N, C-alpha and C. Protein backbone atom coordinates (compact mmCIF):
# COMPACT_ATOMS: atom_id res chain seq x y z
N MET A 1 -34.45 -30.20 -10.82
CA MET A 1 -34.89 -30.47 -12.16
C MET A 1 -34.02 -30.47 -13.22
N LYS A 2 -33.08 -29.46 -13.19
CA LYS A 2 -32.02 -29.62 -14.30
C LYS A 2 -31.24 -30.65 -14.04
N PHE A 3 -31.17 -31.16 -12.69
CA PHE A 3 -30.10 -32.37 -12.27
C PHE A 3 -30.72 -33.58 -13.36
N VAL A 4 -32.39 -33.62 -13.20
CA VAL A 4 -32.70 -34.85 -13.70
C VAL A 4 -32.82 -35.03 -15.09
N HIS A 5 -32.86 -33.93 -15.85
CA HIS A 5 -32.45 -33.66 -17.21
C HIS A 5 -31.52 -33.79 -17.54
N ALA A 6 -30.27 -33.57 -16.67
CA ALA A 6 -28.81 -33.79 -17.06
C ALA A 6 -28.65 -35.31 -17.02
N VAL A 7 -29.41 -35.91 -16.00
CA VAL A 7 -29.22 -37.26 -15.86
C VAL A 7 -29.54 -38.23 -17.29
N LYS A 8 -31.21 -37.57 -17.39
CA LYS A 8 -31.40 -38.27 -18.72
C LYS A 8 -30.76 -38.19 -19.80
N ASP A 9 -30.24 -36.85 -20.19
CA ASP A 9 -29.52 -36.86 -21.39
C ASP A 9 -27.97 -37.89 -21.39
N ARG A 10 -27.57 -38.10 -20.03
CA ARG A 10 -26.21 -38.67 -20.17
C ARG A 10 -26.72 -40.16 -19.62
N LEU A 11 -27.84 -40.73 -19.68
CA LEU A 11 -28.44 -42.12 -19.14
C LEU A 11 -27.74 -43.19 -19.97
N SER A 12 -27.64 -42.96 -21.27
CA SER A 12 -26.57 -44.21 -21.91
C SER A 12 -25.25 -44.33 -21.49
N LEU A 13 -24.76 -43.09 -21.58
CA LEU A 13 -23.20 -43.07 -20.83
C LEU A 13 -23.04 -43.74 -19.56
N LEU A 14 -23.83 -43.30 -18.72
CA LEU A 14 -24.07 -44.02 -17.20
C LEU A 14 -24.17 -45.28 -17.14
N LYS A 15 -25.16 -45.74 -17.83
CA LYS A 15 -25.57 -47.52 -18.26
C LYS A 15 -24.24 -48.02 -18.36
N GLU A 16 -23.55 -47.35 -19.46
CA GLU A 16 -22.21 -47.98 -20.17
C GLU A 16 -21.18 -47.95 -19.14
N LYS A 17 -21.19 -46.85 -18.45
CA LYS A 17 -19.92 -46.98 -16.98
C LYS A 17 -20.38 -47.72 -16.06
N ALA A 18 -21.59 -48.05 -15.78
CA ALA A 18 -21.92 -48.94 -14.69
C ALA A 18 -21.57 -50.40 -15.03
N LEU A 19 -22.30 -50.63 -16.25
CA LEU A 19 -21.61 -51.94 -16.62
C LEU A 19 -20.15 -52.11 -16.97
N VAL A 20 -19.26 -51.45 -17.24
CA VAL A 20 -18.11 -51.22 -17.10
C VAL A 20 -17.66 -52.03 -15.60
N THR A 21 -18.33 -50.97 -14.72
CA THR A 21 -17.76 -51.30 -13.36
C THR A 21 -18.41 -52.48 -12.58
N LEU A 22 -19.30 -53.18 -13.28
CA LEU A 22 -19.92 -54.31 -12.76
C LEU A 22 -19.15 -55.40 -13.38
N ARG A 23 -18.61 -55.35 -14.68
CA ARG A 23 -17.89 -56.40 -15.03
C ARG A 23 -16.45 -56.29 -14.34
N TYR A 24 -15.89 -55.15 -13.91
CA TYR A 24 -15.05 -55.17 -13.48
C TYR A 24 -14.90 -55.82 -11.86
N VAL A 25 -15.94 -55.74 -11.15
CA VAL A 25 -16.16 -56.31 -9.86
C VAL A 25 -16.70 -57.51 -10.17
N ARG A 26 -17.11 -58.05 -11.04
CA ARG A 26 -17.67 -59.44 -11.43
C ARG A 26 -16.15 -60.23 -11.59
N ASP A 27 -15.35 -59.61 -12.37
CA ASP A 27 -14.19 -60.37 -12.96
C ASP A 27 -13.08 -59.66 -11.45
N PHE A 28 -13.55 -59.42 -10.44
CA PHE A 28 -12.38 -58.79 -9.43
C PHE A 28 -11.21 -59.91 -9.38
N ARG A 29 -11.66 -61.06 -9.09
CA ARG A 29 -10.31 -62.31 -9.04
C ARG A 29 -9.42 -62.29 -9.99
N LYS A 30 -9.92 -62.11 -11.45
CA LYS A 30 -9.00 -62.23 -12.60
C LYS A 30 -8.29 -60.80 -12.60
N ASN A 31 -8.81 -59.67 -12.19
CA ASN A 31 -8.00 -58.57 -12.30
C ASN A 31 -7.35 -58.26 -10.96
N TRP A 32 -7.40 -59.11 -10.13
CA TRP A 32 -6.61 -58.75 -8.76
C TRP A 32 -5.22 -58.81 -8.84
N PRO A 33 -4.83 -59.56 -9.53
CA PRO A 33 -2.98 -59.46 -9.63
C PRO A 33 -2.55 -58.24 -10.29
N ARG A 34 -2.99 -57.53 -11.31
CA ARG A 34 -2.47 -56.32 -11.83
C ARG A 34 -2.94 -55.27 -10.83
N THR A 35 -4.22 -55.27 -10.30
CA THR A 35 -4.87 -54.26 -9.07
C THR A 35 -3.78 -54.29 -7.94
N ARG A 36 -3.46 -55.39 -7.61
CA ARG A 36 -2.30 -55.72 -6.53
C ARG A 36 -1.34 -55.25 -6.93
N GLU A 37 -0.62 -55.39 -7.95
CA GLU A 37 0.51 -54.83 -8.51
C GLU A 37 0.70 -53.58 -8.45
N TRP A 38 -0.54 -52.92 -8.96
CA TRP A 38 -0.46 -51.41 -8.86
C TRP A 38 -0.32 -50.91 -7.50
N LEU A 39 -1.01 -51.28 -6.65
CA LEU A 39 -1.42 -51.04 -5.56
C LEU A 39 0.02 -51.15 -4.45
N LEU A 40 0.77 -52.15 -4.96
CA LEU A 40 1.87 -52.22 -4.21
C LEU A 40 2.85 -51.15 -4.78
N PHE A 41 3.00 -50.67 -6.01
CA PHE A 41 3.92 -50.01 -6.63
C PHE A 41 3.40 -48.41 -5.93
N ALA A 42 2.13 -48.40 -5.89
CA ALA A 42 1.79 -46.87 -5.49
C ALA A 42 2.08 -46.87 -3.86
N TRP A 43 2.09 -47.82 -3.17
CA TRP A 43 2.24 -47.97 -1.71
C TRP A 43 3.75 -47.62 -1.50
N GLY A 44 4.83 -48.11 -2.30
CA GLY A 44 6.11 -48.30 -2.33
C GLY A 44 6.33 -46.55 -2.66
N ARG A 45 5.96 -45.88 -3.49
CA ARG A 45 6.30 -44.65 -3.90
C ARG A 45 5.83 -43.67 -2.66
N VAL A 46 4.70 -44.05 -2.04
CA VAL A 46 4.15 -43.12 -1.03
C VAL A 46 5.47 -43.27 0.26
N LEU A 47 5.68 -44.70 0.37
CA LEU A 47 6.70 -44.75 1.52
C LEU A 47 8.13 -44.22 1.14
N ALA A 48 8.34 -44.13 -0.10
CA ALA A 48 9.47 -43.63 -0.45
C ALA A 48 9.51 -41.97 -0.43
N SER A 49 8.21 -41.29 -0.38
CA SER A 49 8.12 -39.90 -0.30
C SER A 49 8.11 -39.64 1.02
N ALA A 50 7.57 -40.18 1.99
CA ALA A 50 7.37 -40.16 3.25
C ALA A 50 8.93 -39.95 4.14
N THR A 51 9.98 -41.01 3.42
CA THR A 51 10.98 -41.22 4.06
C THR A 51 11.96 -40.35 3.75
N TYR A 52 11.63 -39.75 2.37
CA TYR A 52 12.64 -38.48 1.84
C TYR A 52 11.96 -37.31 2.54
N LEU A 53 10.77 -37.09 2.75
CA LEU A 53 10.35 -36.05 3.48
C LEU A 53 10.84 -36.29 4.91
N ARG A 54 10.75 -36.98 5.25
CA ARG A 54 11.31 -37.14 7.17
C ARG A 54 12.91 -36.95 7.03
N ASP A 55 13.37 -37.21 6.30
CA ASP A 55 14.91 -37.18 6.28
C ASP A 55 15.37 -36.05 5.20
N ILE A 56 14.69 -34.82 5.10
CA ILE A 56 14.79 -33.76 4.41
C ILE A 56 16.11 -33.06 4.67
N ARG A 57 16.29 -32.87 6.25
CA ARG A 57 17.47 -32.34 6.62
C ARG A 57 18.60 -32.84 5.94
N ARG A 58 18.43 -33.86 6.24
CA ARG A 58 19.81 -34.99 5.60
C ARG A 58 19.91 -34.46 4.02
N HIS A 59 19.09 -34.18 3.24
CA HIS A 59 19.22 -34.15 1.95
C HIS A 59 19.11 -32.28 1.53
N TRP A 60 18.96 -31.69 2.71
CA TRP A 60 18.86 -30.20 2.27
C TRP A 60 20.00 -29.81 1.63
N PRO A 61 21.32 -29.98 2.02
CA PRO A 61 22.66 -29.34 1.38
C PRO A 61 22.74 -29.76 -0.08
N GLU A 62 22.25 -31.06 -0.52
CA GLU A 62 22.12 -31.28 -2.05
C GLU A 62 21.07 -30.87 -2.85
N ILE A 63 19.85 -30.36 -1.96
CA ILE A 63 18.73 -29.70 -2.69
C ILE A 63 19.10 -28.27 -2.74
N ARG A 64 19.95 -27.67 -1.87
CA ARG A 64 20.13 -26.37 -1.55
C ARG A 64 21.24 -25.85 -2.95
N ALA A 65 22.28 -27.20 -2.98
CA ALA A 65 23.23 -26.80 -4.07
C ALA A 65 22.79 -27.02 -5.61
N LYS A 66 21.50 -27.53 -5.81
CA LYS A 66 20.97 -27.98 -6.84
C LYS A 66 20.04 -26.57 -7.20
N LEU A 67 19.45 -26.21 -6.26
CA LEU A 67 18.72 -24.74 -6.33
C LEU A 67 19.58 -23.85 -6.80
N GLU A 68 20.71 -23.75 -5.96
CA GLU A 68 21.72 -22.36 -6.44
C GLU A 68 22.02 -22.44 -7.85
N HIS A 69 22.35 -23.69 -8.21
CA HIS A 69 22.91 -24.12 -9.53
C HIS A 69 22.12 -23.44 -10.74
N TYR A 70 20.57 -24.10 -10.48
CA TYR A 70 19.46 -23.48 -11.08
C TYR A 70 19.34 -22.06 -11.35
N ARG A 71 19.61 -21.28 -10.22
CA ARG A 71 19.22 -20.07 -9.95
C ARG A 71 20.40 -19.23 -10.73
N ASN A 72 21.76 -19.81 -10.67
CA ASN A 72 22.95 -19.20 -11.40
C ASN A 72 22.68 -19.28 -12.90
N GLU A 73 22.31 -20.54 -13.16
CA GLU A 73 22.12 -20.77 -14.53
C GLU A 73 21.10 -19.68 -15.32
N ILE A 74 19.88 -19.63 -14.50
CA ILE A 74 18.78 -18.85 -14.97
C ILE A 74 19.33 -17.12 -15.03
N TYR A 75 20.37 -16.75 -14.09
CA TYR A 75 20.73 -15.45 -14.27
C TYR A 75 21.82 -14.86 -15.18
N ARG A 76 22.25 -15.97 -16.01
CA ARG A 76 23.21 -15.34 -16.94
C ARG A 76 22.94 -14.80 -17.87
N PRO A 77 23.99 -13.48 -18.47
CA PRO A 77 23.20 -12.50 -19.49
C PRO A 77 22.77 -13.19 -20.54
N MET A 78 22.77 -14.46 -21.00
CA MET A 78 22.27 -15.01 -22.20
C MET A 78 20.54 -15.08 -22.16
N TYR A 79 20.17 -15.13 -20.89
CA TYR A 79 18.77 -15.14 -20.75
C TYR A 79 17.90 -14.05 -20.53
N ASN A 80 18.74 -12.79 -20.40
CA ASN A 80 18.31 -11.37 -20.48
C ASN A 80 17.00 -11.21 -21.48
N LYS A 81 16.92 -11.53 -22.46
CA LYS A 81 15.88 -11.46 -23.34
C LYS A 81 14.60 -11.90 -22.93
N TYR A 82 14.80 -13.05 -22.14
CA TYR A 82 13.44 -13.77 -21.63
C TYR A 82 12.82 -13.14 -20.54
N PHE A 83 13.83 -12.40 -19.64
CA PHE A 83 13.15 -11.59 -18.57
C PHE A 83 12.52 -10.39 -19.09
N ALA A 84 13.21 -9.86 -20.18
CA ALA A 84 12.76 -8.42 -20.54
C ALA A 84 11.34 -8.99 -21.47
N ALA A 85 11.43 -10.06 -22.00
CA ALA A 85 9.89 -10.71 -22.67
C ALA A 85 8.82 -10.82 -21.60
N ALA A 86 9.21 -11.32 -20.39
CA ALA A 86 8.33 -11.65 -19.34
C ALA A 86 7.58 -10.17 -18.89
N ALA A 87 8.45 -8.94 -19.22
CA ALA A 87 7.71 -7.52 -19.08
C ALA A 87 6.39 -7.42 -19.28
N TYR A 88 6.18 -7.95 -20.69
CA TYR A 88 5.08 -7.94 -21.41
C TYR A 88 3.79 -8.84 -21.16
N LEU A 89 3.90 -9.82 -19.86
CA LEU A 89 2.65 -10.13 -19.48
C LEU A 89 1.59 -9.20 -19.13
N PRO A 90 0.47 -9.39 -19.71
CA PRO A 90 -0.25 -8.18 -19.37
C PRO A 90 -0.66 -7.74 -17.77
N PHE A 91 -0.38 -6.57 -17.68
CA PHE A 91 -0.86 -5.79 -16.50
C PHE A 91 0.12 -5.66 -15.39
N ILE A 92 0.76 -6.94 -15.21
CA ILE A 92 1.79 -7.22 -13.94
C ILE A 92 3.36 -7.85 -14.18
N GLY A 93 3.19 -7.91 -15.65
CA GLY A 93 4.74 -8.71 -16.06
C GLY A 93 5.73 -7.81 -15.66
N TRP A 94 5.67 -6.35 -15.79
CA TRP A 94 6.66 -5.26 -15.54
C TRP A 94 7.22 -5.74 -14.30
N LEU A 95 6.85 -6.44 -13.30
CA LEU A 95 7.51 -6.48 -12.18
C LEU A 95 8.49 -7.75 -12.28
N VAL A 96 8.77 -8.08 -13.18
CA VAL A 96 9.37 -9.50 -13.49
C VAL A 96 10.89 -8.79 -13.62
N PRO A 97 10.86 -8.31 -14.81
CA PRO A 97 12.47 -7.83 -14.97
C PRO A 97 13.04 -6.59 -14.08
N LEU A 98 12.19 -5.92 -13.64
CA LEU A 98 12.49 -4.74 -12.67
C LEU A 98 12.77 -5.27 -11.30
N TYR A 99 12.64 -6.42 -11.02
CA TYR A 99 12.80 -6.98 -9.31
C TYR A 99 14.04 -8.09 -9.71
N LEU A 100 13.53 -8.67 -10.57
CA LEU A 100 14.58 -9.80 -10.57
C LEU A 100 16.16 -9.58 -11.38
N LYS A 101 16.15 -8.30 -12.46
CA LYS A 101 17.03 -8.04 -12.88
C LYS A 101 17.24 -6.61 -12.88
N PRO A 102 17.26 -6.06 -12.04
CA PRO A 102 17.50 -4.32 -11.83
C PRO A 102 18.68 -3.84 -12.45
N ASP A 103 19.67 -4.60 -12.65
CA ASP A 103 20.97 -4.19 -13.25
C ASP A 103 20.89 -3.99 -14.77
N ASP A 104 20.22 -4.94 -15.29
CA ASP A 104 20.19 -5.06 -16.97
C ASP A 104 19.72 -3.96 -17.45
N ALA A 105 20.10 -3.13 -18.17
CA ALA A 105 19.63 -2.00 -19.15
C ALA A 105 18.55 -2.48 -20.15
N LEU A 106 18.69 -3.77 -20.62
CA LEU A 106 17.29 -3.88 -21.62
C LEU A 106 16.06 -4.49 -20.74
N CYS A 107 16.44 -5.11 -19.43
CA CYS A 107 15.25 -5.54 -18.68
C CYS A 107 14.91 -4.02 -18.41
N ARG A 108 15.75 -3.31 -17.78
CA ARG A 108 15.08 -1.88 -17.06
C ARG A 108 14.31 -1.11 -18.25
N GLU A 109 14.92 -1.25 -19.30
CA GLU A 109 14.23 -0.47 -20.21
C GLU A 109 12.82 -1.23 -20.71
N ASN A 110 12.38 -2.64 -20.72
CA ASN A 110 11.55 -2.94 -21.11
C ASN A 110 10.66 -2.96 -19.97
N GLY A 111 10.92 -3.17 -18.97
CA GLY A 111 10.13 -2.92 -17.57
C GLY A 111 9.36 -1.82 -17.44
N ARG A 112 10.21 -0.45 -17.66
CA ARG A 112 9.43 0.72 -17.82
C ARG A 112 8.51 0.54 -19.03
N ARG A 113 8.79 0.31 -20.12
CA ARG A 113 7.92 0.63 -21.21
C ARG A 113 6.76 -0.50 -20.94
N ALA A 114 6.90 -1.72 -20.31
CA ALA A 114 5.60 -2.25 -20.18
C ALA A 114 4.66 -1.95 -18.99
N PHE A 115 5.20 -1.41 -17.89
CA PHE A 115 4.73 -0.40 -16.91
C PHE A 115 3.84 0.78 -17.54
N ALA A 116 4.46 1.27 -18.71
CA ALA A 116 3.84 2.51 -18.92
C ALA A 116 2.89 1.96 -19.89
N LEU A 117 2.72 1.05 -20.92
CA LEU A 117 1.70 0.63 -21.44
C LEU A 117 0.37 0.03 -20.53
N ALA A 118 0.90 -1.10 -19.44
CA ALA A 118 -0.07 -1.27 -18.47
C ALA A 118 -0.82 0.01 -17.76
N VAL A 119 0.06 0.69 -17.44
CA VAL A 119 -0.83 2.24 -16.85
C VAL A 119 -1.84 2.64 -17.99
N PHE A 120 -1.36 2.97 -19.11
CA PHE A 120 -2.06 3.54 -20.26
C PHE A 120 -3.25 2.79 -20.68
N PHE A 121 -3.09 1.51 -20.91
CA PHE A 121 -4.41 0.65 -21.41
C PHE A 121 -5.48 0.66 -20.21
N THR A 122 -4.76 0.72 -19.10
CA THR A 122 -5.72 0.15 -17.95
C THR A 122 -6.45 1.25 -17.69
N GLY A 123 -6.01 2.56 -17.69
CA GLY A 123 -6.62 3.60 -17.42
C GLY A 123 -7.47 4.15 -18.51
N ALA A 124 -7.43 3.73 -19.83
CA ALA A 124 -8.03 3.80 -21.00
C ALA A 124 -9.42 3.17 -20.75
N ALA A 125 -9.08 1.87 -20.24
CA ALA A 125 -10.38 0.85 -20.12
C ALA A 125 -11.06 1.09 -19.02
N LEU A 126 -10.57 1.71 -17.86
CA LEU A 126 -11.11 2.31 -16.80
C LEU A 126 -12.15 3.50 -16.91
N ALA A 127 -11.40 4.44 -17.65
CA ALA A 127 -12.14 5.66 -18.16
C ALA A 127 -13.40 5.37 -19.02
N LEU A 128 -13.18 4.47 -19.91
CA LEU A 128 -14.50 3.85 -20.71
C LEU A 128 -15.47 3.35 -19.74
N PHE A 129 -15.08 2.38 -18.87
CA PHE A 129 -15.80 1.51 -18.15
C PHE A 129 -16.59 2.67 -17.15
N PHE A 130 -16.26 3.55 -16.39
CA PHE A 130 -16.84 4.58 -15.60
C PHE A 130 -17.59 5.56 -16.41
N LEU A 131 -17.48 5.95 -18.00
CA LEU A 131 -18.25 6.90 -18.46
C LEU A 131 -19.08 5.86 -19.03
N TYR A 132 -19.24 4.75 -19.26
CA TYR A 132 -20.22 3.93 -19.41
C TYR A 132 -21.35 3.78 -18.14
N PHE A 133 -20.81 3.62 -17.03
CA PHE A 133 -21.87 3.44 -15.78
C PHE A 133 -22.22 4.87 -15.56
N ILE A 134 -21.57 5.72 -15.53
CA ILE A 134 -21.78 7.37 -14.65
C ILE A 134 -22.71 8.08 -15.62
N PHE A 135 -21.81 8.42 -16.62
CA PHE A 135 -22.68 9.32 -17.46
C PHE A 135 -23.43 9.25 -18.67
N ILE A 136 -23.60 8.06 -19.13
CA ILE A 136 -24.43 7.41 -20.12
C ILE A 136 -25.74 6.88 -19.57
N PRO A 137 -26.82 7.64 -19.86
CA PRO A 137 -27.96 7.07 -19.57
C PRO A 137 -28.49 5.57 -20.03
N ARG A 138 -29.18 4.97 -19.28
CA ARG A 138 -29.61 3.70 -19.89
C ARG A 138 -30.49 3.60 -21.02
N ASP A 139 -31.08 4.60 -21.27
CA ASP A 139 -32.05 4.90 -22.59
C ASP A 139 -30.77 4.73 -23.75
N TRP A 140 -29.64 5.26 -23.73
CA TRP A 140 -28.81 5.45 -24.81
C TRP A 140 -28.33 4.24 -24.90
N ARG A 141 -29.00 3.21 -25.39
CA ARG A 141 -28.53 1.64 -25.93
C ARG A 141 -27.20 1.58 -26.75
N PRO A 142 -27.29 2.44 -27.99
CA PRO A 142 -26.30 2.17 -28.86
C PRO A 142 -25.16 2.81 -28.43
N VAL A 143 -25.24 3.82 -27.66
CA VAL A 143 -23.84 4.66 -27.09
C VAL A 143 -23.55 3.78 -26.25
N ARG A 144 -24.08 2.81 -25.19
CA ARG A 144 -23.57 1.93 -24.38
C ARG A 144 -23.12 0.67 -24.98
N PHE A 145 -23.43 0.39 -25.98
CA PHE A 145 -23.24 -0.99 -26.64
C PHE A 145 -21.88 -0.31 -27.32
N ALA A 146 -21.72 0.77 -27.76
CA ALA A 146 -20.30 1.23 -28.48
C ALA A 146 -19.32 1.28 -27.50
N LEU A 147 -19.42 1.94 -26.25
CA LEU A 147 -18.73 2.24 -25.24
C LEU A 147 -18.00 0.59 -24.82
N ALA A 148 -19.12 -0.14 -24.78
CA ALA A 148 -18.75 -1.92 -24.24
C ALA A 148 -17.74 -2.14 -25.15
N LEU A 149 -18.03 -1.96 -26.51
CA LEU A 149 -17.15 -2.73 -27.46
C LEU A 149 -15.60 -1.97 -27.36
N MET A 150 -15.74 -0.73 -27.33
CA MET A 150 -14.23 -0.09 -27.13
C MET A 150 -13.64 -0.47 -25.92
N VAL A 151 -14.38 -0.91 -24.87
CA VAL A 151 -13.47 -1.28 -23.80
C VAL A 151 -12.90 -2.80 -24.16
N TYR A 152 -13.64 -3.53 -24.98
CA TYR A 152 -12.86 -4.83 -25.46
C TYR A 152 -11.81 -4.29 -26.64
N LEU A 153 -12.05 -3.29 -27.24
CA LEU A 153 -11.13 -2.88 -28.19
C LEU A 153 -9.75 -2.78 -27.57
N VAL A 154 -9.99 -1.93 -26.48
CA VAL A 154 -8.56 -1.58 -25.86
C VAL A 154 -8.07 -2.77 -25.39
N HIS A 155 -8.73 -3.77 -24.76
CA HIS A 155 -7.83 -5.14 -24.21
C HIS A 155 -7.42 -5.46 -25.59
N VAL A 156 -8.14 -5.67 -26.52
CA VAL A 156 -7.27 -6.40 -27.99
C VAL A 156 -6.17 -6.06 -28.30
N VAL A 157 -6.36 -4.29 -28.28
CA VAL A 157 -4.89 -3.64 -28.54
C VAL A 157 -3.65 -3.86 -27.88
N TYR A 158 -4.02 -3.97 -26.44
CA TYR A 158 -3.01 -3.91 -25.33
C TYR A 158 -2.45 -5.37 -25.34
N PHE A 159 -3.29 -6.47 -25.71
CA PHE A 159 -2.79 -7.86 -25.97
C PHE A 159 -1.98 -8.07 -27.12
N SER A 160 -2.53 -7.54 -28.17
CA SER A 160 -1.55 -7.26 -29.27
C SER A 160 -0.25 -6.65 -29.23
N ILE A 161 -0.22 -5.71 -28.70
CA ILE A 161 0.93 -4.89 -28.45
C ILE A 161 1.87 -5.79 -27.64
N CYS A 162 1.58 -6.16 -26.60
CA CYS A 162 2.28 -7.35 -25.75
C CYS A 162 2.64 -8.36 -26.30
N ALA A 163 2.08 -8.98 -27.56
CA ALA A 163 2.56 -10.10 -27.78
C ALA A 163 3.27 -9.64 -28.97
N TRP A 164 3.13 -8.46 -29.88
CA TRP A 164 4.03 -7.79 -30.55
C TRP A 164 5.63 -7.87 -29.88
N ALA A 165 5.44 -7.13 -28.80
CA ALA A 165 6.87 -6.85 -28.15
C ALA A 165 7.64 -8.30 -27.83
N VAL A 166 6.55 -9.19 -27.24
CA VAL A 166 7.33 -10.45 -26.92
C VAL A 166 7.93 -11.08 -28.07
N TYR A 167 7.56 -10.83 -29.41
CA TYR A 167 7.82 -11.72 -30.34
C TYR A 167 9.29 -11.09 -30.95
N PHE A 168 9.27 -9.42 -30.89
CA PHE A 168 10.34 -8.74 -31.29
C PHE A 168 11.58 -8.99 -30.20
N LEU A 169 11.30 -9.24 -29.03
CA LEU A 169 12.41 -9.64 -27.92
C LEU A 169 12.86 -10.90 -28.12
N LEU A 170 12.20 -12.03 -28.51
CA LEU A 170 12.66 -13.40 -28.35
C LEU A 170 13.53 -13.50 -29.68
N ARG A 171 13.09 -12.55 -30.70
CA ARG A 171 13.59 -12.68 -32.25
C ARG A 171 15.08 -11.66 -32.09
N GLU A 172 15.27 -10.94 -30.90
CA GLU A 172 16.29 -10.18 -30.96
C GLU A 172 16.45 -9.11 -31.59
N LYS A 173 15.21 -8.38 -31.74
CA LYS A 173 15.19 -7.01 -32.60
C LYS A 173 15.07 -6.14 -31.94
N ARG A 174 15.33 -4.72 -32.28
CA ARG A 174 15.26 -3.72 -31.46
C ARG A 174 13.60 -3.41 -31.63
N LEU A 175 12.99 -3.17 -30.41
CA LEU A 175 11.76 -2.65 -30.02
C LEU A 175 11.71 -1.18 -30.09
N GLU A 176 10.76 -0.61 -31.09
CA GLU A 176 10.52 0.73 -31.06
C GLU A 176 9.19 0.92 -30.85
N ILE A 177 8.68 1.82 -29.75
CA ILE A 177 7.42 2.48 -29.85
C ILE A 177 7.59 3.77 -29.33
N PRO A 178 7.62 4.78 -30.80
CA PRO A 178 7.94 6.16 -30.80
C PRO A 178 6.94 6.82 -29.87
N TRP A 179 5.46 6.44 -29.62
CA TRP A 179 4.44 7.34 -29.07
C TRP A 179 4.64 7.02 -27.60
N LEU A 180 5.57 6.05 -26.97
CA LEU A 180 5.66 5.76 -25.33
C LEU A 180 6.77 6.06 -25.03
N LYS A 181 7.84 6.59 -25.89
CA LYS A 181 9.26 6.93 -25.31
C LYS A 181 9.31 7.96 -24.36
N LYS A 182 8.38 9.08 -24.78
CA LYS A 182 8.60 10.06 -23.66
C LYS A 182 7.73 9.77 -22.30
N TYR A 183 7.02 8.96 -22.29
CA TYR A 183 6.36 8.31 -21.03
C TYR A 183 7.33 7.42 -20.25
N THR A 184 7.96 6.72 -20.76
CA THR A 184 8.97 5.46 -20.29
C THR A 184 10.22 6.27 -19.45
N HIS A 185 10.51 7.53 -19.93
CA HIS A 185 11.51 8.26 -19.26
C HIS A 185 11.09 8.74 -17.99
N ILE A 186 9.81 9.19 -17.84
CA ILE A 186 9.32 9.84 -16.54
C ILE A 186 9.15 8.76 -15.62
N VAL A 187 9.11 7.59 -16.08
CA VAL A 187 8.84 6.59 -14.70
C VAL A 187 10.07 6.20 -14.12
N GLU A 188 10.25 6.44 -12.88
CA GLU A 188 11.49 6.38 -12.01
C GLU A 188 11.34 5.09 -11.21
N LEU A 189 11.52 3.73 -11.68
CA LEU A 189 11.54 2.64 -11.09
C LEU A 189 12.82 2.02 -10.59
């Protein structure tokens, strides 16, 4: 039934599209040179791609050299701030600097800080979530509503801190989160 109503609502648009299609089919002979040109171009690209993939072993040394060049370029010390900023991708970003740049102090420090933030805010959201479902009766609707809002507020605060940290790192400013400092040194990653 919903489908019928959806079709009725879009009937004028469907009629217009059908008329355009009918005009194209009616004038197919007139449009054929342009269509043929596009089909030949597409067929040529498909053949070139298939040939390249068939002979990829022959091209592999040049592909590998380009990939190594890009990898060496990315790992230059001037890009460390980007690896450190990637640590603040919510919840799992801390893996990036800790595993891709483990020897760099900036990346290691921000990876630990991001891990501590992720654990703290995930734990807070989960605690509120379980408090909501386990300990609060269904009849206490205002309390349940307040707890649900607090879960969203925890996420907003976490995303805001992550955005703030990325902003500071990309501007090459010193990032200080004093209340988190004692927990980041506990983490042995």
